[in-house]
N, C-alpha and C. Protein backbone atom coordinates (compact mmCIF):
# COMPACT_ATOMS: atom_id res chain seq x y z
N MET A 1 22.17 14.51 -7.62
CA MET A 1 20.73 14.43 -7.61
C MET A 1 20.23 14.66 -6.18
N ASP A 2 19.18 15.42 -6.05
CA ASP A 2 18.56 15.70 -4.77
C ASP A 2 18.11 14.40 -4.10
N ILE A 3 18.36 14.27 -2.81
CA ILE A 3 18.01 13.04 -2.08
C ILE A 3 16.51 12.78 -2.13
N SER A 4 15.69 13.84 -1.99
CA SER A 4 14.24 13.64 -2.00
C SER A 4 13.76 13.18 -3.38
N VAL A 5 14.40 13.65 -4.45
CA VAL A 5 14.05 13.19 -5.80
C VAL A 5 14.39 11.72 -5.94
N LYS A 6 15.57 11.31 -5.47
CA LYS A 6 16.00 9.91 -5.53
C LYS A 6 15.05 9.03 -4.72
N GLN A 7 14.65 9.50 -3.53
CA GLN A 7 13.72 8.74 -2.69
C GLN A 7 12.37 8.56 -3.39
N THR A 8 11.89 9.63 -4.03
CA THR A 8 10.62 9.56 -4.76
C THR A 8 10.73 8.56 -5.91
N GLU A 9 11.83 8.58 -6.64
CA GLU A 9 12.03 7.63 -7.74
C GLU A 9 12.06 6.20 -7.21
N THR A 10 12.71 5.98 -6.08
CA THR A 10 12.76 4.65 -5.47
C THR A 10 11.36 4.20 -5.07
N GLU A 11 10.57 5.10 -4.47
CA GLU A 11 9.20 4.76 -4.07
C GLU A 11 8.34 4.45 -5.29
N GLN A 12 8.51 5.20 -6.37
CA GLN A 12 7.75 4.92 -7.61
C GLN A 12 8.12 3.56 -8.17
N LEU A 13 9.40 3.21 -8.12
CA LEU A 13 9.85 1.91 -8.61
C LEU A 13 9.25 0.79 -7.75
N ILE A 14 9.28 0.95 -6.44
CA ILE A 14 8.69 -0.05 -5.55
C ILE A 14 7.20 -0.22 -5.85
N ASP A 15 6.49 0.89 -6.00
CA ASP A 15 5.06 0.84 -6.31
C ASP A 15 4.79 0.10 -7.62
N ALA A 16 5.62 0.36 -8.64
CA ALA A 16 5.45 -0.30 -9.95
C ALA A 16 5.74 -1.80 -9.83
N ILE A 17 6.77 -2.16 -9.06
CA ILE A 17 7.10 -3.57 -8.85
C ILE A 17 5.94 -4.29 -8.17
N VAL A 18 5.43 -3.68 -7.11
CA VAL A 18 4.31 -4.29 -6.38
C VAL A 18 3.08 -4.41 -7.28
N GLU A 19 2.82 -3.40 -8.07
CA GLU A 19 1.70 -3.46 -9.02
C GLU A 19 1.87 -4.64 -9.98
N GLY A 20 3.07 -4.83 -10.49
CA GLY A 20 3.34 -5.95 -11.39
C GLY A 20 3.11 -7.29 -10.72
N ILE A 21 3.50 -7.40 -9.46
CA ILE A 21 3.29 -8.64 -8.71
C ILE A 21 1.80 -8.88 -8.50
N GLN A 22 1.10 -7.82 -8.11
CA GLN A 22 -0.33 -7.96 -7.81
C GLN A 22 -1.15 -8.28 -9.06
N ARG A 23 -0.71 -7.81 -10.21
CA ARG A 23 -1.44 -8.10 -11.46
C ARG A 23 -1.51 -9.60 -11.74
N LYS A 24 -0.53 -10.35 -11.25
CA LYS A 24 -0.49 -11.81 -11.47
C LYS A 24 -0.70 -12.59 -10.17
N LYS A 25 -1.28 -11.91 -9.19
CA LYS A 25 -1.67 -12.56 -7.93
C LYS A 25 -0.51 -13.18 -7.17
N GLY A 26 0.64 -12.47 -7.17
CA GLY A 26 1.77 -12.91 -6.35
C GLY A 26 1.36 -12.92 -4.89
N LEU A 27 1.90 -13.85 -4.13
CA LEU A 27 1.47 -14.08 -2.75
C LEU A 27 2.50 -13.61 -1.72
N ASN A 28 1.97 -13.19 -0.57
CA ASN A 28 2.79 -12.84 0.60
C ASN A 28 3.92 -11.87 0.21
N ILE A 29 3.55 -10.73 -0.33
CA ILE A 29 4.53 -9.73 -0.78
C ILE A 29 5.10 -9.01 0.44
N ILE A 30 6.41 -8.97 0.51
CA ILE A 30 7.05 -8.20 1.57
C ILE A 30 8.11 -7.27 0.99
N LYS A 31 8.34 -6.20 1.72
CA LYS A 31 9.43 -5.26 1.40
C LYS A 31 10.39 -5.28 2.58
N ILE A 32 11.64 -5.56 2.28
CA ILE A 32 12.68 -5.53 3.31
C ILE A 32 13.53 -4.28 3.07
N ASP A 33 13.55 -3.39 4.06
CA ASP A 33 14.29 -2.14 3.99
C ASP A 33 15.70 -2.39 4.53
N LEU A 34 16.68 -2.35 3.62
CA LEU A 34 18.07 -2.62 3.99
C LEU A 34 18.89 -1.34 4.16
N THR A 35 18.24 -0.19 4.14
CA THR A 35 18.97 1.09 4.15
C THR A 35 19.76 1.31 5.43
N LYS A 36 19.37 0.67 6.51
CA LYS A 36 20.08 0.84 7.79
C LYS A 36 21.09 -0.27 8.05
N ILE A 37 21.21 -1.19 7.10
CA ILE A 37 22.13 -2.32 7.23
C ILE A 37 23.45 -1.97 6.53
N ASN A 38 24.54 -2.07 7.26
CA ASN A 38 25.85 -1.78 6.66
C ASN A 38 26.22 -2.85 5.64
N HIS A 39 26.79 -2.39 4.54
CA HIS A 39 27.35 -3.26 3.51
C HIS A 39 26.33 -4.17 2.82
N SER A 40 25.08 -3.72 2.73
CA SER A 40 24.12 -4.51 1.96
C SER A 40 24.26 -4.13 0.49
N GLU A 41 23.95 -5.08 -0.39
CA GLU A 41 24.19 -4.87 -1.82
C GLU A 41 23.15 -3.98 -2.48
N CYS A 42 22.04 -3.71 -1.80
CA CYS A 42 21.01 -2.84 -2.35
C CYS A 42 20.24 -2.21 -1.20
N LYS A 43 19.23 -1.39 -1.53
CA LYS A 43 18.46 -0.71 -0.49
C LYS A 43 17.21 -1.47 -0.06
N TYR A 44 16.62 -2.21 -1.00
CA TYR A 44 15.38 -2.92 -0.70
C TYR A 44 15.34 -4.28 -1.39
N PHE A 45 14.72 -5.23 -0.73
CA PHE A 45 14.30 -6.48 -1.35
C PHE A 45 12.78 -6.45 -1.41
N ILE A 46 12.23 -6.84 -2.53
CA ILE A 46 10.80 -7.11 -2.63
C ILE A 46 10.70 -8.62 -2.90
N ILE A 47 9.96 -9.32 -2.04
CA ILE A 47 9.89 -10.77 -2.13
C ILE A 47 8.42 -11.19 -2.21
N CYS A 48 8.17 -12.17 -3.07
CA CYS A 48 6.84 -12.77 -3.15
C CYS A 48 7.00 -14.19 -3.64
N HIS A 49 5.87 -14.90 -3.72
CA HIS A 49 5.93 -16.24 -4.31
C HIS A 49 4.68 -16.54 -5.12
N GLY A 50 4.83 -17.54 -5.97
CA GLY A 50 3.72 -18.07 -6.76
C GLY A 50 3.62 -19.56 -6.49
N ASN A 51 2.58 -20.16 -7.04
CA ASN A 51 2.30 -21.57 -6.75
C ASN A 51 2.79 -22.55 -7.80
N SER A 52 3.42 -22.06 -8.88
CA SER A 52 3.90 -22.96 -9.93
C SER A 52 4.99 -22.25 -10.73
N ASN A 53 5.71 -23.02 -11.54
CA ASN A 53 6.71 -22.42 -12.44
C ASN A 53 6.04 -21.39 -13.34
N THR A 54 4.87 -21.74 -13.83
CA THR A 54 4.15 -20.85 -14.75
C THR A 54 3.79 -19.54 -14.07
N GLN A 55 3.29 -19.60 -12.83
CA GLN A 55 2.91 -18.36 -12.14
C GLN A 55 4.15 -17.54 -11.79
N VAL A 56 5.21 -18.17 -11.33
CA VAL A 56 6.44 -17.45 -11.01
C VAL A 56 6.97 -16.72 -12.25
N ASP A 57 7.01 -17.41 -13.37
CA ASP A 57 7.44 -16.81 -14.63
C ASP A 57 6.53 -15.64 -15.01
N SER A 58 5.23 -15.83 -14.86
CA SER A 58 4.25 -14.81 -15.20
C SER A 58 4.39 -13.57 -14.30
N ILE A 59 4.60 -13.79 -13.01
CA ILE A 59 4.78 -12.67 -12.07
C ILE A 59 6.02 -11.86 -12.46
N ALA A 60 7.13 -12.55 -12.69
CA ALA A 60 8.38 -11.85 -13.02
C ALA A 60 8.23 -11.05 -14.32
N HIS A 61 7.63 -11.65 -15.34
CA HIS A 61 7.42 -10.91 -16.59
C HIS A 61 6.48 -9.72 -16.37
N SER A 62 5.48 -9.90 -15.53
CA SER A 62 4.56 -8.81 -15.22
C SER A 62 5.28 -7.65 -14.53
N VAL A 63 6.20 -7.97 -13.62
CA VAL A 63 6.99 -6.93 -12.97
C VAL A 63 7.78 -6.16 -14.02
N GLU A 64 8.48 -6.89 -14.87
CA GLU A 64 9.27 -6.21 -15.92
C GLU A 64 8.39 -5.34 -16.80
N ASP A 65 7.27 -5.88 -17.26
CA ASP A 65 6.38 -5.13 -18.15
C ASP A 65 5.77 -3.91 -17.45
N THR A 66 5.33 -4.09 -16.19
CA THR A 66 4.68 -3.01 -15.46
C THR A 66 5.66 -1.89 -15.14
N VAL A 67 6.86 -2.24 -14.72
CA VAL A 67 7.88 -1.22 -14.42
C VAL A 67 8.22 -0.43 -15.69
N GLU A 68 8.36 -1.13 -16.80
CA GLU A 68 8.65 -0.45 -18.05
C GLU A 68 7.48 0.45 -18.47
N GLU A 69 6.26 -0.06 -18.32
CA GLU A 69 5.06 0.69 -18.69
C GLU A 69 4.88 1.95 -17.82
N LEU A 70 5.04 1.80 -16.50
CA LEU A 70 4.74 2.90 -15.59
C LEU A 70 5.87 3.91 -15.41
N ILE A 71 7.11 3.44 -15.39
CA ILE A 71 8.22 4.39 -15.15
C ILE A 71 9.37 4.25 -16.14
N ASN A 72 9.16 3.45 -17.17
CA ASN A 72 10.12 3.35 -18.27
C ASN A 72 11.52 2.96 -17.80
N GLU A 73 11.56 1.95 -16.94
CA GLU A 73 12.85 1.46 -16.45
C GLU A 73 12.93 -0.04 -16.70
N LYS A 74 14.13 -0.50 -17.05
CA LYS A 74 14.37 -1.93 -17.29
C LYS A 74 15.25 -2.50 -16.18
N ALA A 75 15.07 -3.79 -15.92
CA ALA A 75 15.93 -4.48 -14.96
C ALA A 75 17.36 -4.47 -15.49
N TRP A 76 18.33 -4.24 -14.60
CA TRP A 76 19.74 -4.25 -14.98
C TRP A 76 20.20 -5.67 -15.27
N HIS A 77 19.64 -6.59 -14.49
CA HIS A 77 20.03 -7.99 -14.63
C HIS A 77 18.83 -8.84 -14.22
N LYS A 78 18.71 -9.99 -14.80
CA LYS A 78 17.65 -10.93 -14.43
C LYS A 78 18.19 -12.34 -14.53
N ASP A 79 17.72 -13.19 -13.63
CA ASP A 79 18.21 -14.56 -13.60
C ASP A 79 17.12 -15.48 -13.06
N GLY A 80 17.09 -16.71 -13.54
CA GLY A 80 16.20 -17.72 -13.01
C GLY A 80 15.03 -18.09 -13.90
N TYR A 81 14.90 -17.42 -15.04
CA TYR A 81 13.78 -17.74 -15.94
C TYR A 81 13.87 -19.16 -16.51
N ASN A 82 15.07 -19.73 -16.54
CA ASN A 82 15.23 -21.06 -17.15
C ASN A 82 14.47 -22.15 -16.38
N ASN A 83 14.31 -22.01 -15.06
CA ASN A 83 13.54 -23.02 -14.32
C ASN A 83 12.39 -22.44 -13.51
N SER A 84 12.37 -21.12 -13.35
CA SER A 84 11.28 -20.41 -12.66
C SER A 84 10.99 -20.95 -11.25
N ILE A 85 12.06 -21.33 -10.56
CA ILE A 85 11.94 -21.72 -9.15
C ILE A 85 12.20 -20.49 -8.28
N TRP A 86 13.18 -19.67 -8.70
CA TRP A 86 13.51 -18.42 -8.03
C TRP A 86 14.01 -17.47 -9.11
N ILE A 87 13.23 -16.47 -9.41
CA ILE A 87 13.63 -15.47 -10.40
C ILE A 87 14.05 -14.20 -9.67
N LEU A 88 15.21 -13.70 -10.04
CA LEU A 88 15.75 -12.47 -9.47
C LEU A 88 15.75 -11.39 -10.54
N LEU A 89 15.17 -10.24 -10.19
CA LEU A 89 15.22 -9.06 -11.06
C LEU A 89 15.97 -7.97 -10.31
N ASP A 90 17.04 -7.47 -10.91
CA ASP A 90 17.92 -6.48 -10.28
C ASP A 90 17.63 -5.11 -10.86
N TYR A 91 17.08 -4.24 -10.02
CA TYR A 91 16.84 -2.85 -10.40
C TYR A 91 17.81 -1.93 -9.62
N ALA A 92 19.04 -2.36 -9.46
CA ALA A 92 20.11 -1.62 -8.77
C ALA A 92 19.81 -1.47 -7.27
N ASP A 93 19.04 -0.46 -6.89
CA ASP A 93 18.73 -0.25 -5.47
C ASP A 93 17.69 -1.22 -4.94
N ILE A 94 16.99 -1.90 -5.85
CA ILE A 94 15.91 -2.81 -5.45
C ILE A 94 16.10 -4.15 -6.15
N MET A 95 16.10 -5.21 -5.35
CA MET A 95 16.17 -6.57 -5.88
C MET A 95 14.82 -7.23 -5.66
N VAL A 96 14.26 -7.78 -6.73
CA VAL A 96 12.97 -8.45 -6.67
C VAL A 96 13.22 -9.95 -6.72
N HIS A 97 12.66 -10.65 -5.73
CA HIS A 97 12.79 -12.10 -5.64
C HIS A 97 11.41 -12.72 -5.79
N VAL A 98 11.21 -13.50 -6.86
CA VAL A 98 9.95 -14.19 -7.09
C VAL A 98 10.23 -15.68 -6.97
N PHE A 99 9.68 -16.28 -5.94
CA PHE A 99 9.95 -17.68 -5.61
C PHE A 99 8.75 -18.57 -5.88
N GLN A 100 9.01 -19.87 -6.00
CA GLN A 100 7.98 -20.86 -5.73
C GLN A 100 7.95 -21.01 -4.21
N LYS A 101 6.79 -21.35 -3.66
CA LYS A 101 6.62 -21.34 -2.20
C LYS A 101 7.67 -22.18 -1.47
N GLU A 102 7.93 -23.39 -1.96
CA GLU A 102 8.88 -24.28 -1.28
C GLU A 102 10.29 -23.69 -1.27
N SER A 103 10.69 -23.08 -2.37
CA SER A 103 12.02 -22.47 -2.45
C SER A 103 12.11 -21.26 -1.53
N ARG A 104 11.04 -20.49 -1.46
CA ARG A 104 11.03 -19.34 -0.57
C ARG A 104 11.21 -19.79 0.87
N GLN A 105 10.52 -20.85 1.27
CA GLN A 105 10.65 -21.36 2.62
C GLN A 105 12.06 -21.89 2.88
N PHE A 106 12.64 -22.56 1.88
CA PHE A 106 13.97 -23.13 2.02
C PHE A 106 15.03 -22.04 2.20
N TYR A 107 15.01 -21.01 1.34
CA TYR A 107 16.04 -19.96 1.40
C TYR A 107 15.78 -18.95 2.49
N ASP A 108 14.53 -18.73 2.86
CA ASP A 108 14.13 -17.96 4.04
C ASP A 108 14.85 -16.60 4.15
N LEU A 109 14.80 -15.83 3.08
CA LEU A 109 15.48 -14.53 3.08
C LEU A 109 14.97 -13.60 4.17
N GLU A 110 13.70 -13.74 4.53
CA GLU A 110 13.13 -12.88 5.57
C GLU A 110 13.90 -13.03 6.88
N ASN A 111 14.24 -14.26 7.26
CA ASN A 111 14.98 -14.48 8.50
C ASN A 111 16.46 -14.17 8.35
N LEU A 112 16.99 -14.34 7.14
CA LEU A 112 18.38 -14.00 6.88
C LEU A 112 18.62 -12.50 7.14
N TRP A 113 17.62 -11.69 6.80
CA TRP A 113 17.70 -10.23 6.99
C TRP A 113 16.78 -9.77 8.11
N ALA A 114 16.66 -10.57 9.17
CA ALA A 114 15.72 -10.29 10.25
C ALA A 114 16.01 -8.99 10.98
N ASP A 115 17.24 -8.49 10.91
CA ASP A 115 17.56 -7.23 11.60
C ASP A 115 17.17 -6.01 10.77
N ALA A 116 16.66 -6.21 9.57
CA ALA A 116 16.17 -5.11 8.72
C ALA A 116 14.68 -4.89 9.02
N HIS A 117 14.17 -3.74 8.59
CA HIS A 117 12.73 -3.47 8.73
C HIS A 117 11.99 -4.22 7.63
N ILE A 118 11.04 -5.07 8.05
CA ILE A 118 10.27 -5.88 7.11
C ILE A 118 8.82 -5.44 7.14
N GLU A 119 8.28 -5.15 5.97
CA GLU A 119 6.90 -4.69 5.85
C GLU A 119 6.12 -5.65 4.96
N LEU A 120 5.00 -6.15 5.47
CA LEU A 120 4.10 -6.98 4.67
C LEU A 120 3.22 -6.07 3.84
N ILE A 121 3.13 -6.34 2.55
CA ILE A 121 2.29 -5.57 1.65
C ILE A 121 1.03 -6.37 1.41
N LYS A 122 -0.11 -5.76 1.71
CA LYS A 122 -1.39 -6.47 1.62
C LYS A 122 -1.62 -7.01 0.21
N ASP A 123 -2.00 -8.29 0.13
CA ASP A 123 -2.33 -8.90 -1.15
C ASP A 123 -3.61 -8.27 -1.69
N GLU A 124 -3.66 -8.11 -3.01
CA GLU A 124 -4.88 -7.63 -3.64
C GLU A 124 -5.87 -8.78 -3.72
N ASN A 125 -7.13 -8.48 -3.55
CA ASN A 125 -8.16 -9.53 -3.65
C ASN A 125 -8.77 -9.57 -5.02
């Protein structure tokens, strides 16, 4: 597959994920670019948080629904719906992390990957 086609598909997936997060008012959305990091398990992390189990669950379901609606792709793996403290959606090259605020602060993935390029995505109003 052509590299530019793959890059475009990745960008479309990121856009669909962010749209899904924004539809449910996910907070402090960031994209961590891991493409320059050796031996990382994927190319990007998309991280956000919600204020309750209900909102975290709603954000994650919205991401799944929006990605399927816009680009007809399903998560390869998903975990964390049983308690909705930290839900992980695995889209192969992109891992989506939807946290409750306290858990996000505790695990602090942003600082764990501080040597990667981190981009804040403006929250929708």
